[in-house]
Amino acid sequence: LLHVDGVRLDDPRLTLPHPRMAERVFVLLPLRDIAPTLQPSGQATVAELLARLDPTGCERVA
C-alpha cells in the first residue's frame, strides 16, 4: 500500500503516503501510466518525481 487519496497516516505498522515512494523508479513508472498528475508528496507530481530519477535497469515486463 503506497497511497490512499487524502489519507495521511503515521503508524508504526503503516505510513501513508509511503515515505520513500518518490525515490523508487519501480513504483513511479507504473504509477505514471495510471496517474501522472498525482501528487503523493503534496508537492511534485508522479511525472515530475520520475523525471528526477534514473530509470536505467528498470524495464516493463509483459
PDB file of N, CA and C in Angstrom:
ATOM      1  N   LEU A   1       0.856  -1.159   0.000  1.00  0.00           N
ATOM      2  CA  LEU A   1       0.000   0.000   0.000  1.00  0.00           C
ATOM      3  C   LEU A   1       0.907   1.228   0.000  1.00  0.00           C
ATOM      4  N   LEU A   2       0.737   2.071  -0.995  1.00  0.00           N
ATOM      5  CA  LEU A   2       1.615   3.227  -1.167  1.00  0.00           C
ATOM      6  C   LEU A   2       0.934   4.560  -0.928  1.00  0.00           C
ATOM      7  N   HIS A   3      -0.328   4.649  -1.357  1.00  0.00           N
ATOM      8  CA  HIS A   3      -1.021   5.933  -1.335  1.00  0.00           C
ATOM      9  C   HIS A   3      -2.527   5.695  -1.307  1.00  0.00           C
ATOM     10  N   VAL A   4      -3.222   6.462  -0.496  1.00  0.00           N
ATOM     11  CA  VAL A   4      -4.680   6.488  -0.498  1.00  0.00           C
ATOM     12  C   VAL A   4      -5.055   7.966  -0.547  1.00  0.00           C
ATOM     13  N   ASP A   5      -5.813   8.336  -1.557  1.00  0.00           N
ATOM     14  CA  ASP A   5      -6.132   9.741  -1.778  1.00  0.00           C
ATOM     15  C   ASP A   5      -6.686  10.409  -0.522  1.00  0.00           C
ATOM     16  N   GLY A   6      -6.021  11.470  -0.094  1.00  0.00           N
ATOM     17  CA  GLY A   6      -6.472  12.243   1.051  1.00  0.00           C
ATOM     18  C   GLY A   6      -6.123  11.666   2.412  1.00  0.00           C
ATOM     19  N   VAL A   7      -5.447  10.529   2.441  1.00  0.00           N
ATOM     20  CA  VAL A   7      -5.120   9.893   3.720  1.00  0.00           C
ATOM     21  C   VAL A   7      -3.651  10.103   4.059  1.00  0.00           C
ATOM     22  N   ARG A   8      -3.419  10.617   5.243  1.00  0.00           N
ATOM     23  CA  ARG A   8      -2.064  10.715   5.792  1.00  0.00           C
ATOM     24  C   ARG A   8      -2.078   9.916   7.078  1.00  0.00           C
ATOM     25  N   LEU A   9      -1.145   8.983   7.195  1.00  0.00           N
ATOM     26  CA  LEU A   9      -1.112   8.089   8.341  1.00  0.00           C
ATOM     27  C   LEU A   9       0.329   7.862   8.744  1.00  0.00           C
ATOM     28  N   ASP A  10       0.607   7.988  10.008  1.00  0.00           N
ATOM     29  CA  ASP A  10       1.951   7.719  10.526  1.00  0.00           C
ATOM     30  C   ASP A  10       1.800   6.796  11.735  1.00  0.00           C
ATOM     31  N   ASP A  11       1.796   5.519  11.440  1.00  0.00           N
ATOM     32  CA  ASP A  11       1.600   4.478  12.442  1.00  0.00           C
ATOM     33  C   ASP A  11       2.817   3.558  12.396  1.00  0.00           C
ATOM     34  N   PRO A  12       3.199   2.926  13.483  1.00  0.00           N
ATOM     35  CA  PRO A  12       4.351   2.018  13.431  1.00  0.00           C
ATOM     36  C   PRO A  12       4.207   0.908  12.382  1.00  0.00           C
ATOM     37  N   ARG A  13       2.968   0.561  12.034  1.00  0.00           N
ATOM     38  CA  ARG A  13       2.752  -0.517  11.074  1.00  0.00           C
ATOM     39  C   ARG A  13       2.536  -0.019   9.646  1.00  0.00           C
ATOM     40  N   LEU A  14       2.154   1.239   9.475  1.00  0.00           N
ATOM     41  CA  LEU A  14       1.863   1.757   8.140  1.00  0.00           C
ATOM     42  C   LEU A  14       2.003   3.272   8.103  1.00  0.00           C
ATOM     43  N   THR A  15       2.691   3.758   7.070  1.00  0.00           N
ATOM     44  CA  THR A  15       2.807   5.192   6.835  1.00  0.00           C
ATOM     45  C   THR A  15       2.290   5.470   5.429  1.00  0.00           C
ATOM     46  N   LEU A  16       1.369   6.427   5.330  1.00  0.00           N
ATOM     47  CA  LEU A  16       0.809   6.823   4.039  1.00  0.00           C
ATOM     48  C   LEU A  16       0.906   8.326   3.888  1.00  0.00           C
ATOM     49  N   PRO A  17       1.285   8.817   2.714  1.00  0.00           N
ATOM     50  CA  PRO A  17       1.838   8.024   1.626  1.00  0.00           C
ATOM     51  C   PRO A  17       3.170   7.405   2.030  1.00  0.00           C
ATOM     52  N   HIS A  18       3.550   6.367   1.295  1.00  0.00           N
ATOM     53  CA  HIS A  18       4.801   5.666   1.602  1.00  0.00           C
ATOM     54  C   HIS A  18       5.939   6.677   1.612  1.00  0.00           C
ATOM     55  N   PRO A  19       6.748   6.699   2.664  1.00  0.00           N
ATOM     56  CA  PRO A  19       7.761   7.753   2.816  1.00  0.00           C
ATOM     57  C   PRO A  19       8.875   7.763   1.765  1.00  0.00           C
ATOM     58  N   ARG A  20       9.108   6.650   1.079  1.00  0.00           N
ATOM     59  CA  ARG A  20      10.194   6.624   0.099  1.00  0.00           C
ATOM     60  C   ARG A  20       9.726   6.309  -1.321  1.00  0.00           C
ATOM     61  N   MET A  21       8.424   6.394  -1.558  1.00  0.00           N
ATOM     62  CA  MET A  21       7.948   6.060  -2.900  1.00  0.00           C
ATOM     63  C   MET A  21       8.488   7.029  -3.957  1.00  0.00           C
ATOM     64  N   ALA A  22       8.792   8.260  -3.582  1.00  0.00           N
ATOM     65  CA  ALA A  22       9.317   9.250  -4.520  1.00  0.00           C
ATOM     66  C   ALA A  22      10.745   8.935  -4.950  1.00  0.00           C
ATOM     67  N   GLU A  23      11.383   7.979  -4.280  1.00  0.00           N
ATOM     68  CA  GLU A  23      12.762   7.600  -4.594  1.00  0.00           C
ATOM     69  C   GLU A  23      12.836   6.306  -5.399  1.00  0.00           C
ATOM     70  N   ARG A  24      11.703   5.702  -5.701  1.00  0.00           N
ATOM     71  CA  ARG A  24      11.688   4.363  -6.286  1.00  0.00           C
ATOM     72  C   ARG A  24      11.096   4.359  -7.687  1.00  0.00           C
ATOM     73  N   VAL A  25      11.969   4.177  -8.656  1.00  0.00           N
ATOM     74  CA  VAL A  25      11.558   4.157 -10.059  1.00  0.00           C
ATOM     75  C   VAL A  25      10.546   3.042 -10.302  1.00  0.00           C
ATOM     76  N   PHE A  26      10.761   1.865  -9.695  1.00  0.00           N
ATOM     77  CA  PHE A  26       9.873   0.731  -9.938  1.00  0.00           C
ATOM     78  C   PHE A  26       8.453   0.986  -9.430  1.00  0.00           C
ATOM     79  N   VAL A  27       8.276   1.957  -8.570  1.00  0.00           N
ATOM     80  CA  VAL A  27       6.950   2.363  -8.106  1.00  0.00           C
ATOM     81  C   VAL A  27       6.392   3.458  -9.020  1.00  0.00           C
ATOM     82  N   LEU A  28       7.223   4.420  -9.356  1.00  0.00           N
ATOM     83  CA  LEU A  28       6.758   5.587 -10.113  1.00  0.00           C
ATOM     84  C   LEU A  28       6.454   5.294 -11.579  1.00  0.00           C
ATOM     85  N   LEU A  29       7.203   4.395 -12.216  1.00  0.00           N
ATOM     86  CA  LEU A  29       6.952   4.111 -13.633  1.00  0.00           C
ATOM     87  C   LEU A  29       5.534   3.596 -13.871  1.00  0.00           C
ATOM     88  N   PRO A  30       5.090   2.559 -13.199  1.00  0.00           N
ATOM     89  CA  PRO A  30       3.708   2.121 -13.445  1.00  0.00           C
ATOM     90  C   PRO A  30       2.668   3.126 -12.937  1.00  0.00           C
ATOM     91  N   LEU A  31       2.991   3.841 -11.873  1.00  0.00           N
ATOM     92  CA  LEU A  31       2.067   4.834 -11.349  1.00  0.00           C
ATOM     93  C   LEU A  31       1.882   5.980 -12.342  1.00  0.00           C
ATOM     94  N   ARG A  32       2.937   6.319 -13.053  1.00  0.00           N
ATOM     95  CA  ARG A  32       2.844   7.364 -14.081  1.00  0.00           C
ATOM     96  C   ARG A  32       1.866   6.962 -15.185  1.00  0.00           C
ATOM     97  N   ASP A  33       1.799   5.676 -15.487  1.00  0.00           N
ATOM     98  CA  ASP A  33       0.877   5.198 -16.525  1.00  0.00           C
ATOM     99  C   ASP A  33      -0.582   5.427 -16.147  1.00  0.00           C
ATOM    100  N   ILE A  34      -0.902   5.341 -14.869  1.00  0.00           N
ATOM    101  CA  ILE A  34      -2.306   5.469 -14.463  1.00  0.00           C
ATOM    102  C   ILE A  34      -2.643   6.805 -13.804  1.00  0.00           C
ATOM    103  N   ALA A  35      -1.623   7.490 -13.256  1.00  0.00           N
ATOM    104  CA  ALA A  35      -1.904   8.745 -12.545  1.00  0.00           C
ATOM    105  C   ALA A  35      -0.715   9.699 -12.594  1.00  0.00           C
ATOM    106  N   PRO A  36      -0.352  10.194 -13.785  1.00  0.00           N
ATOM    107  CA  PRO A  36       0.833  11.041 -13.911  1.00  0.00           C
ATOM    108  C   PRO A  36       0.759  12.359 -13.156  1.00  0.00           C
ATOM    109  N   THR A  37      -0.446  12.858 -12.897  1.00  0.00           N
ATOM    110  CA  THR A  37      -0.579  14.136 -12.209  1.00  0.00           C
ATOM    111  C   THR A  37      -0.826  13.991 -10.707  1.00  0.00           C
ATOM    112  N   LEU A  38      -0.855  12.764 -10.212  1.00  0.00           N
ATOM    113  CA  LEU A  38      -0.993  12.532  -8.776  1.00  0.00           C
ATOM    114  C   LEU A  38       0.172  13.186  -8.049  1.00  0.00           C
ATOM    115  N   GLN A  39      -0.096  13.800  -6.913  1.00  0.00           N
ATOM    116  CA  GLN A  39       0.940  14.446  -6.105  1.00  0.00           C
ATOM    117  C   GLN A  39       1.041  13.725  -4.754  1.00  0.00           C
ATOM    118  N   PRO A  40       1.707  12.579  -4.700  1.00  0.00           N
ATOM    119  CA  PRO A  40       1.760  11.814  -3.463  1.00  0.00           C
ATOM    120  C   PRO A  40       2.493  12.526  -2.330  1.00  0.00           C
ATOM    121  N   SER A  41       3.437  13.362  -2.684  1.00  0.00           N
ATOM    122  CA  SER A  41       4.192  14.087  -1.667  1.00  0.00           C
ATOM    123  C   SER A  41       3.514  15.404  -1.312  1.00  0.00           C
ATOM    124  N   GLY A  42       2.471  15.754  -2.067  1.00  0.00           N
ATOM    125  CA  GLY A  42       1.796  17.021  -1.863  1.00  0.00           C
ATOM    126  C   GLY A  42       2.477  18.177  -2.563  1.00  0.00           C
ATOM    127  N   GLN A  43       3.586  17.904  -3.243  1.00  0.00           N
ATOM    128  CA  GLN A  43       4.332  18.973  -3.907  1.00  0.00           C
ATOM    129  C   GLN A  43       4.556  18.684  -5.386  1.00  0.00           C
ATOM    130  N   ALA A  44       5.212  17.590  -5.691  1.00  0.00           N
ATOM    131  CA  ALA A  44       5.543  17.254  -7.076  1.00  0.00           C
ATOM    132  C   ALA A  44       4.618  16.145  -7.587  1.00  0.00           C
ATOM    133  N   THR A  45       4.359  16.160  -8.894  1.00  0.00           N
ATOM    134  CA  THR A  45       3.558  15.099  -9.490  1.00  0.00           C
ATOM    135  C   THR A  45       4.409  13.848  -9.681  1.00  0.00           C
ATOM    136  N   VAL A  46       3.746  12.741  -9.930  1.00  0.00           N
ATOM    137  CA  VAL A  46       4.453  11.483 -10.196  1.00  0.00           C
ATOM    138  C   VAL A  46       5.397  11.664 -11.374  1.00  0.00           C
ATOM    139  N   ALA A  47       4.931  12.319 -12.425  1.00  0.00           N
ATOM    140  CA  ALA A  47       5.775  12.546 -13.607  1.00  0.00           C
ATOM    141  C   ALA A  47       6.999  13.388 -13.256  1.00  0.00           C
ATOM    142  N   GLU A  48       6.825  14.406 -12.431  1.00  0.00           N
ATOM    143  CA  GLU A  48       7.952  15.256 -12.027  1.00  0.00           C
ATOM    144  C   GLU A  48       8.937  14.486 -11.144  1.00  0.00           C
ATOM    145  N   LEU A  49       8.415  13.688 -10.229  1.00  0.00           N
ATOM    146  CA  LEU A  49       9.290  12.879  -9.367  1.00  0.00           C
ATOM    147  C   LEU A  49      10.112  11.906 -10.204  1.00  0.00           C
ATOM    148  N   LEU A  50       9.461  11.281 -11.166  1.00  0.00           N
ATOM    149  CA  LEU A  50      10.144  10.315 -12.019  1.00  0.00           C
ATOM    150  C   LEU A  50      11.218  10.984 -12.868  1.00  0.00           C
ATOM    151  N   ALA A  51      10.981  12.201 -13.303  1.00  0.00           N
ATOM    152  CA  ALA A  51      11.958  12.924 -14.129  1.00  0.00           C
ATOM    153  C   ALA A  51      13.254  13.193 -13.364  1.00  0.00           C
ATOM    154  N   ARG A  52      13.204  13.160 -12.053  1.00  0.00           N
ATOM    155  CA  ARG A  52      14.397  13.405 -11.226  1.00  0.00           C
ATOM    156  C   ARG A  52      15.249  12.154 -11.024  1.00  0.00           C
ATOM    157  N   LEU A  53      14.730  11.001 -11.433  1.00  0.00           N
ATOM    158  CA  LEU A  53      15.405   9.735 -11.172  1.00  0.00           C
ATOM    159  C   LEU A  53      15.951   9.116 -12.449  1.00  0.00           C
ATOM    160  N   ASP A  54      16.899   8.211 -12.290  1.00  0.00           N
ATOM    161  CA  ASP A  54      17.480   7.483 -13.413  1.00  0.00           C
ATOM    162  C   ASP A  54      16.774   6.136 -13.539  1.00  0.00           C
ATOM    163  N   PRO A  55      16.014   5.927 -14.628  1.00  0.00           N
ATOM    164  CA  PRO A  55      15.272   4.682 -14.779  1.00  0.00           C
ATOM    165  C   PRO A  55      16.098   3.513 -15.325  1.00  0.00           C
ATOM    166  N   THR A  56      17.399   3.701 -15.506  1.00  0.00           N
ATOM    167  CA  THR A  56      18.252   2.648 -16.031  1.00  0.00           C
ATOM    168  C   THR A  56      18.101   1.379 -15.205  1.00  0.00           C
ATOM    169  N   GLY A  57      17.871   0.287 -15.889  1.00  0.00           N
ATOM    170  CA  GLY A  57      17.745  -1.005 -15.221  1.00  0.00           C
ATOM    171  C   GLY A  57      16.323  -1.369 -14.840  1.00  0.00           C
ATOM    172  N   CYS A  58      15.420  -0.446 -15.009  1.00  0.00           N
ATOM    173  CA  CYS A  58      14.013  -0.699 -14.685  1.00  0.00           C
ATOM    174  C   CYS A  58      13.273  -0.798 -16.013  1.00  0.00           C
ATOM    175  N   GLU A  59      12.703  -1.955 -16.290  1.00  0.00           N
ATOM    176  CA  GLU A  59      12.031  -2.135 -17.571  1.00  0.00           C
ATOM    177  C   GLU A  59      10.668  -2.805 -17.395  1.00  0.00           C
ATOM    178  N   ARG A  60       9.786  -2.528 -18.339  1.00  0.00           N
ATOM    179  CA  ARG A  60       8.439  -3.081 -18.326  1.00  0.00           C
ATOM    180  C   ARG A  60       8.515  -4.584 -18.610  1.00  0.00           C
ATOM    181  N   VAL A  61       7.773  -5.359 -17.860  1.00  0.00           N
ATOM    182  CA  VAL A  61       7.671  -6.789 -18.069  1.00  0.00           C
ATOM    183  C   VAL A  61       6.292  -7.082 -18.646  1.00  0.00           C
ATOM    184  N   ALA A  62       6.262  -7.784 -19.756  1.00  0.00           N
ATOM    185  CA  ALA A  62       4.973  -8.072 -20.402  1.00  0.00           C
ATOM    186  C   ALA A  62       4.248  -9.196 -19.729  1.00  0.00           C
TER     187      ALA A  62
END
